[in-house]
C-alpha atoms as a PDB file:
ATOM      1  CA  MET A   1     103.178 164.706 123.894  1.00  0.00           C
ATOM      2  CA  ASP A   2     103.087 163.744 127.559  1.00  0.00           C
ATOM      3  CA  ARG A   3     102.144 166.491 129.982  1.00  0.00           C
ATOM      4  CA  SER A   4     100.634 164.278 132.620  1.00  0.00           C
ATOM      5  CA  GLU A   5     100.356 164.666 136.368  1.00  0.00           C
ATOM      6  CA  PRO A   6      99.226 162.355 139.176  1.00  0.00           C
ATOM      7  CA  GLU A   7      95.612 161.330 138.795  1.00  0.00           C
ATOM      8  CA  SER A   8      93.064 163.808 140.124  1.00  0.00           C
ATOM      9  CA  GLY A   9      89.470 163.001 140.928  1.00  0.00           C
ATOM     10  CA  THR A  10      89.762 159.248 140.421  1.00  0.00           C
ATOM     11  CA  GLY A  11      89.801 158.521 144.129  1.00  0.00           C
ATOM     12  CA  ALA A  12      86.473 160.280 144.576  1.00  0.00           C
ATOM     13  CA  VAL A  13      84.691 157.881 142.220  1.00  0.00           C
ATOM     14  CA  THR A  14      83.002 154.990 143.966  1.00  0.00           C
ATOM     15  CA  ARG A  15      81.921 152.200 141.667  1.00  0.00           C
ATOM     16  CA  LEU A  16      78.919 150.113 142.550  1.00  0.00           C
ATOM     17  CA  SER A  17      78.894 146.730 140.871  1.00  0.00           C
ATOM     18  CA  THR A  18      76.062 146.806 138.353  1.00  0.00           C
ATOM     19  CA  HIS A  19      75.733 143.063 137.910  1.00  0.00           C
ATOM     20  CA  TRP A  20      75.400 141.595 141.392  1.00  0.00           C
ATOM     21  CA  THR A  21      73.120 138.677 142.004  1.00  0.00           C
ATOM     22  CA  ARG A  22      70.363 139.089 144.572  1.00  0.00           C
ATOM     23  CA  ARG A  23      72.325 136.854 146.956  1.00  0.00           C
ATOM     24  CA  GLN A  24      75.435 139.034 146.600  1.00  0.00           C
ATOM     25  CA  PHE A  25      73.361 142.144 147.180  1.00  0.00           C
ATOM     26  CA  LEU A  26      71.791 140.820 150.381  1.00  0.00           C
ATOM     27  CA  ALA A  27      75.158 139.590 151.613  1.00  0.00           C
ATOM     28  CA  GLN A  28      76.662 143.041 151.157  1.00  0.00           C
ATOM     29  CA  VAL A  29      73.781 144.681 153.008  1.00  0.00           C
ATOM     30  CA  SER A  30      74.144 142.167 155.862  1.00  0.00           C
ATOM     31  CA  ALA A  31      77.834 142.973 156.037  1.00  0.00           C
ATOM     32  CA  GLY A  32      77.032 146.656 156.515  1.00  0.00           C
ATOM     33  CA  ALA A  33      78.156 147.883 153.079  1.00  0.00           C
ATOM     34  CA  VAL A  34      77.044 151.373 152.077  1.00  0.00           C
ATOM     35  CA  ILE A  35      74.788 151.063 149.042  1.00  0.00           C
ATOM     36  CA  ALA A  36      74.484 154.199 146.927  1.00  0.00           C
ATOM     37  CA  ALA A  37      71.890 152.779 144.530  1.00  0.00           C
ATOM     38  CA  VAL A  38      69.967 149.595 143.828  1.00  0.00           C
ATOM     39  CA  PRO A  39      72.208 147.203 141.847  1.00  0.00           C
ATOM     40  CA  THR A  40      71.051 146.786 138.275  1.00  0.00           C
ATOM     41  CA  ALA A  41      71.005 142.994 138.659  1.00  0.00           C
ATOM     42  CA  LEU A  42      67.579 143.642 140.191  1.00  0.00           C
ATOM     43  CA  ARG A  43      66.455 145.358 136.979  1.00  0.00           C
ATOM     44  CA  ALA A  44      64.032 143.842 134.462  1.00  0.00           C
ATOM     45  CA  ASP A  45      65.729 141.230 132.284  1.00  0.00           C
ATOM     46  CA  GLU A  46      64.869 143.082 129.085  1.00  0.00           C
ATOM     47  CA  GLY A  47      66.488 146.414 129.913  1.00  0.00           C
ATOM     48  CA  ILE A  48      64.497 149.312 128.448  1.00  0.00           C
ATOM     49  CA  ALA A  49      62.282 147.120 126.207  1.00  0.00           C
ATOM     50  CA  GLY A  50      59.144 147.920 128.198  1.00  0.00           C
ATOM     51  CA  ARG A  51      59.565 151.694 127.944  1.00  0.00           C
ATOM     52  CA  TYR A  52      58.890 152.205 124.233  1.00  0.00           C
ATOM     53  CA  ALA A  53      55.101 151.727 124.224  1.00  0.00           C
ATOM     54  CA  SER A  54      54.260 154.860 126.228  1.00  0.00           C
ATOM     55  CA  LEU A  55      56.442 157.350 124.335  1.00  0.00           C
ATOM     56  CA  ASP A  56      55.200 160.515 122.630  1.00  0.00           C
ATOM     57  CA  SER A  57      58.214 160.764 120.328  1.00  0.00           C
ATOM     58  CA  ASP A  58      56.768 163.444 118.045  1.00  0.00           C
ATOM     59  CA  ARG A  59      57.104 165.932 120.905  1.00  0.00           C
ATOM     60  CA  TYR A  60      60.880 165.704 120.520  1.00  0.00           C
ATOM     61  CA  LEU A  61      61.832 164.197 117.145  1.00  0.00           C
ATOM     62  CA  GLY A  62      60.806 164.498 113.504  1.00  0.00           C
ATOM     63  CA  MET A  63      61.205 161.685 111.009  1.00  0.00           C
ATOM     64  CA  HIS A  64      64.684 160.834 109.770  1.00  0.00           C
ATOM     65  CA  ARG A  65      65.883 162.028 106.397  1.00  0.00           C
ATOM     66  CA  THR A  66      68.746 160.622 104.331  1.00  0.00           C
ATOM     67  CA  GLU A  67      71.401 163.285 103.771  1.00  0.00           C
ATOM     68  CA  THR A  68      73.793 161.046 101.869  1.00  0.00           C
ATOM     69  CA  ARG A  69      74.851 157.428 101.549  1.00  0.00           C
ATOM     70  CA  ILE A  70      78.504 156.453 101.543  1.00  0.00           C
ATOM     71  CA  ALA A  71      79.886 154.055  98.965  1.00  0.00           C
ATOM     72  CA  ASP A  72      83.308 152.643  99.791  1.00  0.00           C
ATOM     73  CA  GLU A  73      85.038 149.261 100.102  1.00  0.00           C
ATOM     74  CA  ILE A  74      84.035 149.134 103.779  1.00  0.00           C
ATOM     75  CA  VAL A  75      81.712 151.600 105.474  1.00  0.00           C
ATOM     76  CA  PHE A  76      81.398 152.230 109.208  1.00  0.00           C
ATOM     77  CA  THR A  77      80.424 155.829 109.844  1.00  0.00           C
ATOM     78  CA  GLU A  78      81.096 157.638 113.112  1.00  0.00           C
ATOM     79  CA  GLY A  79      81.720 160.928 114.872  1.00  0.00           C
ATOM     80  CA  PRO A  80      79.703 163.711 113.170  1.00  0.00           C
ATOM     81  CA  ALA A  81      80.625 167.325 113.965  1.00  0.00           C
ATOM     82  CA  VAL A  82      79.281 170.545 112.404  1.00  0.00           C
ATOM     83  CA  ASP A  83      81.294 173.705 111.734  1.00  0.00           C
ATOM     84  CA  ARG A  84      80.126 177.314 112.007  1.00  0.00           C
ATOM     85  CA  GLN A  85      79.000 177.343 108.358  1.00  0.00           C
ATOM     86  CA  GLY A  86      76.885 174.201 108.797  1.00  0.00           C
ATOM     87  CA  ASN A  87      79.212 171.741 107.071  1.00  0.00           C
ATOM     88  CA  VAL A  88      79.151 168.228 108.528  1.00  0.00           C
ATOM     89  CA  TYR A  89      82.358 166.269 109.083  1.00  0.00           C
ATOM     90  CA  PHE A  90      82.175 162.591 109.959  1.00  0.00           C
ATOM     91  CA  THR A  91      84.381 159.528 109.760  1.00  0.00           C
ATOM     92  CA  ASN A  92      84.529 156.227 107.925  1.00  0.00           C
ATOM     93  CA  VAL A  93      86.606 154.533 110.572  1.00  0.00           C
ATOM     94  CA  ARG A  94      87.631 151.317 108.866  1.00  0.00           C
ATOM     95  CA  VAL A  95      89.127 152.966 105.789  1.00  0.00           C
ATOM     96  CA  SER A  96      90.677 155.871 107.733  1.00  0.00           C
ATOM     97  CA  LYS A  97      88.766 158.711 106.101  1.00  0.00           C
ATOM     98  CA  ILE A  98      87.215 161.916 107.377  1.00  0.00           C
ATOM     99  CA  LEU A  99      84.321 162.898 105.113  1.00  0.00           C
ATOM    100  CA  HIS A 100      82.795 166.310 104.451  1.00  0.00           C
ATOM    101  CA  TRP A 101      79.099 166.807 103.710  1.00  0.00           C
ATOM    102  CA  ASN A 102      77.916 170.183 102.442  1.00  0.00           C
ATOM    103  CA  PRO A 103      74.145 170.144 103.073  1.00  0.00           C
ATOM    104  CA  THR A 104      73.550 173.334 101.066  1.00  0.00           C
ATOM    105  CA  ALA A 105      75.238 172.033  97.917  1.00  0.00           C
ATOM    106  CA  GLY A 106      74.273 168.409  98.595  1.00  0.00           C
ATOM    107  CA  LYS A 107      77.897 167.399  98.017  1.00  0.00           C
ATOM    108  CA  LEU A 108      79.961 164.679  99.714  1.00  0.00           C
ATOM    109  CA  SER A 109      83.754 164.794  99.566  1.00  0.00           C
ATOM    110  CA  VAL A 110      86.800 163.396 101.348  1.00  0.00           C
ATOM    111  CA  PHE A 111      88.323 165.887 103.761  1.00  0.00           C
ATOM    112  CA  ARG A 112      91.215 163.686 104.890  1.00  0.00           C
ATOM    113  CA  GLU A 113      92.590 160.285 103.958  1.00  0.00           C
ATOM    114  CA  ASN A 114      94.992 158.274 106.122  1.00  0.00           C
ATOM    115  CA  SER A 115      93.232 159.621 109.205  1.00  0.00           C
ATOM    116  CA  ASN A 116      94.617 156.931 111.552  1.00  0.00           C
ATOM    117  CA  ARG A 117      91.153 155.363 111.914  1.00  0.00           C
ATOM    118  CA  ALA A 118      89.690 158.630 113.132  1.00  0.00           C
ATOM    119  CA  ASN A 119      86.559 158.126 115.217  1.00  0.00           C
ATOM    120  CA  GLY A 120      84.928 160.901 117.279  1.00  0.00           C
ATOM    121  CA  LEU A 121      85.146 164.502 116.059  1.00  0.00           C
ATOM    122  CA  LEU A 122      84.299 167.835 117.673  1.00  0.00           C
ATOM    123  CA  PHE A 123      84.792 171.500 116.795  1.00  0.00           C
ATOM    124  CA  ASP A 124      86.234 173.744 119.496  1.00  0.00           C
ATOM    125  CA  PRO A 125      85.057 177.360 119.939  1.00  0.00           C
ATOM    126  CA  GLU A 126      87.837 178.620 117.636  1.00  0.00           C
ATOM    127  CA  GLY A 127      86.616 176.387 114.820  1.00  0.00           C
ATOM    128  CA  ASN A 128      89.466 173.887 115.067  1.00  0.00           C
ATOM    129  CA  LEU A 129      88.614 170.225 114.472  1.00  0.00           C
ATOM    130  CA  LEU A 130      89.398 167.927 117.410  1.00  0.00           C
ATOM    131  CA  THR A 131      89.900 164.320 116.338  1.00  0.00           C
ATOM    132  CA  CYS A 132      90.146 160.985 118.138  1.00  0.00           C
ATOM    133  CA  GLU A 133      92.732 159.112 116.055  1.00  0.00           C
ATOM    134  CA  GLY A 134      92.145 155.598 117.342  1.00  0.00           C
ATOM    135  CA  GLY A 135      94.726 153.933 115.108  1.00  0.00           C
ATOM    136  CA  ALA A 136      97.501 156.205 116.364  1.00  0.00           C
ATOM    137  CA  GLY A 137      96.368 156.382 119.990  1.00  0.00           C
ATOM    138  CA  ARG A 138      96.218 160.157 120.013  1.00  0.00           C
ATOM    139  CA  VAL A 139      93.947 163.216 120.075  1.00  0.00           C
ATOM    140  CA  THR A 140      94.749 165.951 117.581  1.00  0.00           C
ATOM    141  CA  ARG A 141      93.647 169.486 116.718  1.00  0.00           C
ATOM    142  CA  THR A 142      93.404 170.612 113.096  1.00  0.00           C
ATOM    143  CA  ASP A 143      93.563 174.315 112.202  1.00  0.00           C
ATOM    144  CA  MET A 144      90.863 174.454 109.513  1.00  0.00           C
ATOM    145  CA  THR A 145      92.477 177.501 107.888  1.00  0.00           C
ATOM    146  CA  SER A 146      96.078 176.324 107.615  1.00  0.00           C
ATOM    147  CA  GLY A 147      95.511 172.579 107.801  1.00  0.00           C
ATOM    148  CA  GLU A 148      98.160 172.269 110.516  1.00  0.00           C
ATOM    149  CA  ILE A 149      97.667 169.275 112.808  1.00  0.00           C
ATOM    150  CA  THR A 150      98.763 169.497 116.451  1.00  0.00           C
ATOM    151  CA  VAL A 151      99.012 166.430 118.688  1.00  0.00           C
ATOM    152  CA  LEU A 152      97.309 167.216 122.009  1.00  0.00           C
ATOM    153  CA  VAL A 153      98.016 163.884 123.698  1.00  0.00           C
ATOM    154  CA  ASP A 154      99.449 160.532 122.645  1.00  0.00           C
ATOM    155  CA  GLN A 155     100.620 159.106 125.987  1.00  0.00           C
ATOM    156  CA  TYR A 156     100.048 159.345 129.705  1.00  0.00           C
ATOM    157  CA  GLN A 157     102.722 159.009 132.375  1.00  0.00           C
ATOM    158  CA  GLY A 158     105.239 158.026 129.710  1.00  0.00           C
ATOM    159  CA  GLU A 159     103.226 155.221 128.082  1.00  0.00           C
ATOM    160  CA  GLY A 160     100.757 154.921 125.235  1.00  0.00           C
ATOM    161  CA  ILE A 161      97.035 155.207 125.816  1.00  0.00           C
ATOM    162  CA  GLY A 162      94.182 153.140 124.430  1.00  0.00           C
ATOM    163  CA  ALA A 163      92.411 154.226 121.265  1.00  0.00           C
ATOM    164  CA  PRO A 164      90.660 157.577 121.835  1.00  0.00           C
ATOM    165  CA  ASN A 165      86.977 157.126 120.986  1.00  0.00           C
ATOM    166  CA  ASP A 166      84.931 160.250 121.691  1.00  0.00           C
ATOM    167  CA  LEU A 167      85.324 163.709 123.237  1.00  0.00           C
ATOM    168  CA  ALA A 168      83.534 166.623 124.860  1.00  0.00           C
ATOM    169  CA  LEU A 169      84.330 170.222 125.816  1.00  0.00           C
ATOM    170  CA  ASP A 170      83.348 172.340 128.787  1.00  0.00           C
ATOM    171  CA  GLN A 171      82.926 176.118 128.847  1.00  0.00           C
ATOM    172  CA  LYS A 172      86.458 176.607 130.194  1.00  0.00           C
ATOM    173  CA  GLY A 173      87.957 174.953 127.128  1.00  0.00           C
ATOM    174  CA  ARG A 174      88.821 171.660 128.820  1.00  0.00           C
ATOM    175  CA  ILE A 175      88.610 168.550 126.620  1.00  0.00           C
ATOM    176  CA  TYR A 176      87.332 165.258 128.035  1.00  0.00           C
ATOM    177  CA  PHE A 177      87.944 162.110 126.013  1.00  0.00           C
ATOM    178  CA  THR A 178      87.425 158.376 126.336  1.00  0.00           C
ATOM    179  CA  SER A 179      90.239 155.914 125.698  1.00  0.00           C
ATOM    180  CA  ARG A 180      89.919 152.141 125.373  1.00  0.00           C
ATOM    181  CA  PHE A 181      92.061 149.211 124.380  1.00  0.00           C
ATOM    182  CA  ASP A 182      90.784 146.849 121.695  1.00  0.00           C
ATOM    183  CA  ALA A 183      90.742 143.169 122.583  1.00  0.00           C
ATOM    184  CA  ASN A 184      93.815 142.424 120.446  1.00  0.00           C
ATOM    185  CA  ALA A 185      95.724 145.608 121.195  1.00  0.00           C
ATOM    186  CA  ALA A 186      99.012 145.533 123.068  1.00  0.00           C
ATOM    187  CA  ARG A 187      98.393 146.871 126.570  1.00  0.00           C
ATOM    188  CA  THR A 188     100.554 149.305 128.460  1.00  0.00           C
ATOM    189  CA  ARG A 189     100.237 150.059 132.166  1.00  0.00           C
ATOM    190  CA  ASN A 190      97.435 152.423 131.216  1.00  0.00           C
ATOM    191  CA  VAL A 191      93.890 151.082 131.185  1.00  0.00           C
ATOM    192  CA  ASP A 192      90.498 152.002 129.726  1.00  0.00           C
ATOM    193  CA  SER A 193      90.036 155.557 130.981  1.00  0.00           C
ATOM    194  CA  VAL A 194      88.581 159.026 130.691  1.00  0.00           C
ATOM    195  CA  TYR A 195      91.131 161.845 130.462  1.00  0.00           C
ATOM    196  CA  ARG A 196      90.926 165.617 130.686  1.00  0.00           C
ATOM    197  CA  ILE A 197      93.126 167.969 128.665  1.00  0.00           C
ATOM    198  CA  ASP A 198      93.359 171.433 130.211  1.00  0.00           C
ATOM    199  CA  PRO A 199      93.851 174.568 128.072  1.00  0.00           C
ATOM    200  CA  ASP A 200      97.529 174.670 129.086  1.00  0.00           C
ATOM    201  CA  GLY A 201      98.022 171.133 127.722  1.00  0.00           C
ATOM    202  CA  GLN A 202      98.158 169.326 131.066  1.00  0.00           C
ATOM    203  CA  VAL A 203      96.582 165.854 130.910  1.00  0.00           C
ATOM    204  CA  THR A 204      94.793 164.262 133.867  1.00  0.00           C
ATOM    205  CA  ARG A 205      93.127 160.879 134.121  1.00  0.00           C
ATOM    206  CA  ILE A 206      89.813 161.452 135.916  1.00  0.00           C
ATOM    207  CA  ILE A 207      88.174 157.999 135.591  1.00  0.00           C
ATOM    208  CA  ALA A 208      89.926 154.676 135.158  1.00  0.00           C
ATOM    209  CA  GLU A 209      89.129 150.979 135.042  1.00  0.00           C
ATOM    210  CA  PRO A 210      87.466 149.459 137.082  1.00  0.00           C
ATOM    211  CA  ALA A 211      85.359 152.612 137.577  1.00  0.00           C
ATOM    212  CA  CYS A 212      84.753 152.355 133.831  1.00  0.00           C
ATOM    213  CA  LYS A 213      84.872 149.145 131.805  1.00  0.00           C
ATOM    214  CA  LYS A 214      84.485 150.140 128.145  1.00  0.00           C
ATOM    215  CA  PRO A 215      84.011 153.938 127.939  1.00  0.00           C
ATOM    216  CA  ASN A 216      82.515 155.286 124.746  1.00  0.00           C
ATOM    217  CA  GLY A 217      80.371 158.416 124.205  1.00  0.00           C
ATOM    218  CA  ILE A 218      80.857 161.392 126.506  1.00  0.00           C
ATOM    219  CA  VAL A 219      79.161 164.794 126.988  1.00  0.00           C
ATOM    220  CA  THR A 220      78.843 167.489 129.642  1.00  0.00           C
ATOM    221  CA  SER A 221      75.556 169.085 130.715  1.00  0.00           C
ATOM    222  CA  PRO A 222      74.760 172.611 129.462  1.00  0.00           C
ATOM    223  CA  ASP A 223      75.939 174.108 132.778  1.00  0.00           C
ATOM    224  CA  ASP A 224      78.939 171.731 133.031  1.00  0.00           C
ATOM    225  CA  SER A 225      77.737 170.383 136.382  1.00  0.00           C
ATOM    226  CA  VAL A 226      77.355 166.791 135.150  1.00  0.00           C
ATOM    227  CA  LEU A 227      79.530 164.564 132.985  1.00  0.00           C
ATOM    228  CA  TYR A 228      77.747 161.710 131.194  1.00  0.00           C
ATOM    229  CA  LEU A 229      79.619 158.605 130.054  1.00  0.00           C
ATOM    230  CA  ILE A 230      78.398 155.657 127.988  1.00  0.00           C
ATOM    231  CA  GLU A 231      79.556 152.184 128.995  1.00  0.00           C
ATOM    232  CA  ALA A 232      79.314 149.911 125.954  1.00  0.00           C
ATOM    233  CA  HIS A 233      80.761 146.497 126.736  1.00  0.00           C
ATOM    234  CA  PRO A 234      79.584 143.705 124.400  1.00  0.00           C
ATOM    235  CA  ASN A 235      80.415 140.821 126.762  1.00  0.00           C
ATOM    236  CA  ALA A 236      77.878 139.207 129.061  1.00  0.00           C
ATOM    237  CA  ASP A 237      77.624 140.562 132.614  1.00  0.00           C
ATOM    238  CA  HIS A 238      79.446 143.765 131.740  1.00  0.00           C
ATOM    239  CA  PRO A 239      78.011 147.290 131.878  1.00  0.00           C
ATOM    240  CA  ARG A 240      75.856 148.686 129.068  1.00  0.00           C
ATOM    241  CA  ASN A 241      74.555 151.908 130.487  1.00  0.00           C
ATOM    242  CA  ILE A 242      74.999 155.643 130.849  1.00  0.00           C
ATOM    243  CA  GLN A 243      76.875 156.786 133.921  1.00  0.00           C
ATOM    244  CA  ALA A 244      76.474 160.278 135.405  1.00  0.00           C
ATOM    245  CA  PHE A 245      79.110 162.057 137.506  1.00  0.00           C
ATOM    246  CA  ASP A 246      79.065 165.350 139.321  1.00  0.00           C
ATOM    247  CA  LEU A 247      81.605 167.636 137.624  1.00  0.00           C
ATOM    248  CA  ASP A 248      83.227 170.298 139.772  1.00  0.00           C
ATOM    249  CA  ALA A 249      84.680 173.676 138.832  1.00  0.00           C
ATOM    250  CA  ASP A 250      88.150 172.141 138.411  1.00  0.00           C
ATOM    251  CA  GLY A 251      86.981 169.412 136.026  1.00  0.00           C
ATOM    252  CA  ASN A 252      87.072 166.529 138.504  1.00  0.00           C
ATOM    253  CA  VAL A 253      84.303 163.970 138.976  1.00  0.00           C
ATOM    254  CA  SER A 254      82.483 162.414 141.934  1.00  0.00           C
ATOM    255  CA  ASN A 255      79.175 160.788 142.856  1.00  0.00           C
ATOM    256  CA  GLN A 256      79.087 158.129 140.140  1.00  0.00           C
ATOM    257  CA  ARG A 257      75.613 156.726 139.436  1.00  0.00           C
ATOM    258  CA  THR A 258      73.751 154.884 136.672  1.00  0.00           C
ATOM    259  CA  LEU A 259      71.382 157.112 134.720  1.00  0.00           C
ATOM    260  CA  ILE A 260      69.845 154.412 132.486  1.00  0.00           C
ATOM    261  CA  ASP A 261      70.664 150.750 131.878  1.00  0.00           C
ATOM    262  CA  PHE A 262      70.418 149.171 128.406  1.00  0.00           C
ATOM    263  CA  TYR A 263      71.551 145.685 129.426  1.00  0.00           C
ATOM    264  CA  PRO A 264      71.057 143.061 127.941  1.00  0.00           C
ATOM    265  CA  GLY A 265      70.525 145.032 124.718  1.00  0.00           C
ATOM    266  CA  ARG A 266      73.177 146.993 122.870  1.00  0.00           C
ATOM    267  CA  SER A 267      74.162 150.067 124.830  1.00  0.00           C
ATOM    268  CA  GLY A 268      74.548 153.551 123.527  1.00  0.00           C
ATOM    269  CA  ASP A 269      77.554 154.330 121.373  1.00  0.00           C
ATOM    270  CA  GLY A 270      77.747 158.098 120.948  1.00  0.00           C
ATOM    271  CA  MET A 271      75.474 160.878 122.174  1.00  0.00           C
ATOM    272  CA  CYS A 272      74.880 164.616 122.252  1.00  0.00           C
ATOM    273  CA  ILE A 273      72.831 166.879 124.512  1.00  0.00           C
ATOM    274  CA  ASP A 274      70.209 169.588 124.026  1.00  0.00           C
ATOM    275  CA  SER A 275      69.872 172.987 125.683  1.00  0.00           C
ATOM    276  CA  GLN A 276      67.552 171.549 128.356  1.00  0.00           C
ATOM    277  CA  GLY A 277      69.950 168.756 129.312  1.00  0.00           C
ATOM    278  CA  ASN A 278      68.265 165.856 127.508  1.00  0.00           C
ATOM    279  CA  LEU A 279      70.577 163.264 125.975  1.00  0.00           C
ATOM    280  CA  TYR A 280      70.215 162.042 122.369  1.00  0.00           C
ATOM    281  CA  VAL A 281      71.743 158.581 122.344  1.00  0.00           C
ATOM    282  CA  ALA A 282      72.592 156.329 119.380  1.00  0.00           C
ATOM    283  CA  ALA A 283      71.844 152.799 120.600  1.00  0.00           C
ATOM    284  CA  GLY A 284      70.429 149.406 119.659  1.00  0.00           C
ATOM    285  CA  LEU A 285      70.589 146.827 116.871  1.00  0.00           C
ATOM    286  CA  HIS A 286      68.397 145.507 114.055  1.00  0.00           C
ATOM    287  CA  ASP A 287      70.080 142.088 114.084  1.00  0.00           C
ATOM    288  CA  ARG A 288      72.170 140.110 116.532  1.00  0.00           C
ATOM    289  CA  ARG A 289      75.907 140.163 116.092  1.00  0.00           C
ATOM    290  CA  ASN A 290      78.555 137.895 117.554  1.00  0.00           C
ATOM    291  CA  THR A 291      78.102 139.176 121.103  1.00  0.00           C
ATOM    292  CA  SER A 292      75.739 138.562 124.010  1.00  0.00           C
ATOM    293  CA  GLU A 293      73.771 141.731 123.134  1.00  0.00           C
ATOM    294  CA  THR A 294      70.054 141.139 122.630  1.00  0.00           C
ATOM    295  CA  LEU A 295      67.593 143.135 120.520  1.00  0.00           C
ATOM    296  CA  SER A 296      65.786 144.558 123.548  1.00  0.00           C
ATOM    297  CA  THR A 297      67.277 147.988 122.804  1.00  0.00           C
ATOM    298  CA  ARG A 298      65.696 149.110 119.542  1.00  0.00           C
ATOM    299  CA  PRO A 299      67.985 150.621 116.864  1.00  0.00           C
ATOM    300  CA  GLY A 300      67.821 154.386 116.711  1.00  0.00           C
ATOM    301  CA  ILE A 301      67.984 157.681 118.571  1.00  0.00           C
ATOM    302  CA  HIS A 302      66.841 157.609 122.198  1.00  0.00           C
ATOM    303  CA  VAL A 303      66.037 160.870 123.993  1.00  0.00           C
ATOM    304  CA  ILE A 304      66.735 160.531 127.727  1.00  0.00           C
ATOM    305  CA  SER A 305      65.987 163.127 130.394  1.00  0.00           C
ATOM    306  CA  PRO A 306      68.493 164.237 133.072  1.00  0.00           C
ATOM    307  CA  GLN A 307      66.501 162.014 135.456  1.00  0.00           C
ATOM    308  CA  GLY A 308      67.019 158.902 133.286  1.00  0.00           C
ATOM    309  CA  GLU A 309      63.519 158.793 131.760  1.00  0.00           C
ATOM    310  CA  LEU A 310      63.226 157.581 128.162  1.00  0.00           C
ATOM    311  CA  LEU A 311      61.283 160.425 126.514  1.00  0.00           C
ATOM    312  CA  ALA A 312      61.370 159.621 122.798  1.00  0.00           C
ATOM    313  CA  TYR A 313      62.705 157.219 120.203  1.00  0.00           C
ATOM    314  CA  ARG A 314      63.158 157.308 116.431  1.00  0.00           C
ATOM    315  CA  GLU A 315      64.176 154.180 114.540  1.00  0.00           C
ATOM    316  CA  THR A 316      67.049 154.329 112.051  1.00  0.00           C
ATOM    317  CA  PRO A 317      67.257 152.176 108.904  1.00  0.00           C
ATOM    318  CA  GLU A 318      70.281 149.927 109.260  1.00  0.00           C
ATOM    319  CA  ASP A 319      73.043 148.750 111.563  1.00  0.00           C
ATOM    320  CA  THR A 320      75.139 150.127 113.056  1.00  0.00           C
ATOM    321  CA  ILE A 321      73.967 153.453 114.443  1.00  0.00           C
ATOM    322  CA  THR A 322      76.958 155.042 116.172  1.00  0.00           C
ATOM    323  CA  ASN A 323      76.805 158.757 116.928  1.00  0.00           C
ATOM    324  CA  CYS A 324      74.990 162.068 116.516  1.00  0.00           C
ATOM    325  CA  THR A 325      75.393 165.823 116.916  1.00  0.00           C
ATOM    326  CA  PHE A 326      73.410 169.039 116.581  1.00  0.00           C
ATOM    327  CA  GLY A 327      73.754 171.455 113.669  1.00  0.00           C
ATOM    328  CA  GLY A 328      71.738 173.720 111.377  1.00  0.00           C
ATOM    329  CA  GLU A 329      71.148 177.450 111.737  1.00  0.00           C
ATOM    330  CA  ASP A 330      68.862 176.941 114.736  1.00  0.00           C
ATOM    331  CA  LEU A 331      70.766 173.942 116.203  1.00  0.00           C
ATOM    332  CA  ARG A 332      67.632 171.848 115.711  1.00  0.00           C
ATOM    333  CA  THR A 333      69.016 169.481 113.078  1.00  0.00           C
ATOM    334  CA  LEU A 334      70.356 166.267 114.549  1.00  0.00           C
ATOM    335  CA  TYR A 335      72.931 164.630 112.265  1.00  0.00           C
ATOM    336  CA  VAL A 336      73.214 160.873 112.756  1.00  0.00           C
ATOM    337  CA  ALA A 337      75.940 158.460 111.615  1.00  0.00           C
ATOM    338  CA  CYS A 338      74.216 155.162 110.869  1.00  0.00           C
ATOM    339  CA  GLY A 339      75.820 152.299 108.935  1.00  0.00           C
ATOM    340  CA  THR A 340      76.308 153.534 105.363  1.00  0.00           C
ATOM    341  CA  TYR A 341      74.142 156.622 105.922  1.00  0.00           C
ATOM    342  CA  LEU A 342      74.426 160.141 107.190  1.00  0.00           C
ATOM    343  CA  LEU A 343      70.898 160.973 108.383  1.00  0.00           C
ATOM    344  CA  SER A 344      69.256 164.077 109.775  1.00  0.00           C
ATOM    345  CA  ILE A 345      66.347 164.439 112.188  1.00  0.00           C
ATOM    346  CA  ARG A 346      64.668 167.722 113.099  1.00  0.00           C
ATOM    347  CA  THR A 347      64.287 168.259 116.835  1.00  0.00           C
ATOM    348  CA  GLU A 348      61.878 170.399 118.839  1.00  0.00           C
ATOM    349  CA  ILE A 349      64.588 171.465 121.308  1.00  0.00           C
ATOM    350  CA  PRO A 350      67.893 172.918 120.050  1.00  0.00           C
ATOM    351  CA  GLY A 351      71.251 171.523 121.000  1.00  0.00           C
ATOM    352  CA  LYS A 352      73.258 173.202 123.737  1.00  0.00           C
ATOM    353  CA  PRO A 353      74.784 176.431 122.396  1.00  0.00           C
ATOM    354  CA  ALA A 354      78.362 175.096 122.615  1.00  0.00           C
ATOM    355  CA  TYR A 355      77.725 172.904 119.549  1.00  0.00           C
ATOM    356  CA  ARG A 356      78.067 175.992 117.344  1.00  0.00           C
ATOM    357  CA  PRO A 357      81.692 177.189 117.153  1.00  0.00           C
ATOM    358  CA  ASN A 358      82.344 180.900 117.537  1.00  0.00           C
ATOM    359  CA  ARG A 359      84.399 180.885 114.336  1.00  0.00           C
END
């Protein structure tokens, strides 16, 4: 379905190169360029590596617990979401399955096969399951009572979009989702982007390459005044950080800035947010992979304040940690997709109330 309109908000986003050399930086200043922030090329070479030693993680996070372990021909878990009854839905992307974990019964089952490499999941206030179907290049809504699947978007301005990766909702029912093209995917005129789906079905691109390079996890602040976006590019001299944008009453963005920089380590993948506006970010690696990413970002959940301060960290047991969400009766159970595991971590602060559907 294509209900697109001319881009709104994109022109207000000013991107500051995050990998300038010192010489380039000084040259730009000499030329009279307006600098909104210090380029991250002037950051420490080891990203956030020096921040772990001073953390008091127990103030925010309990120890992780194994909920279940997934046995399949290939396992790459992603996208947890929790329904009103506390059931956890998450994806095994590479075998196109959506899984269902009942924590009360301790039972794991397959909710959907042939899920088109479903990735990020989210429940809307009505209890419908929103799904990023990366293999089909579309975002869908599943009525959990009837099972009916509705395609919300599968193209923009008449052409296909990149694989949807993750999504967020604001209090007005608007859906924000990230879309990115894999290295070997056929490209259309569309580029790596962030889109907004309004309640009437209208689709607007609010951020587009080069203002984003490899968009991944996305959330809005509890008051919907800030949109947070993870940049997770594996190539050298590309962004691995969390970007923050002011979000206005119409769902448009401005005032782009870097909240925290993970480079040269592995960036965040997915994230969620608590009721006080702290981010819970799945980031880091145990072992190097075939990229330029170093091990300076430790593997696990990172709690990051709205000011970009690393507050807490809890290590997870294996690669690759990908995403997390809040659930439980008190919204203080953090469910984490990590390699072949679904983990849980108790938190001191509950998730923002929107994580619990109304139905």
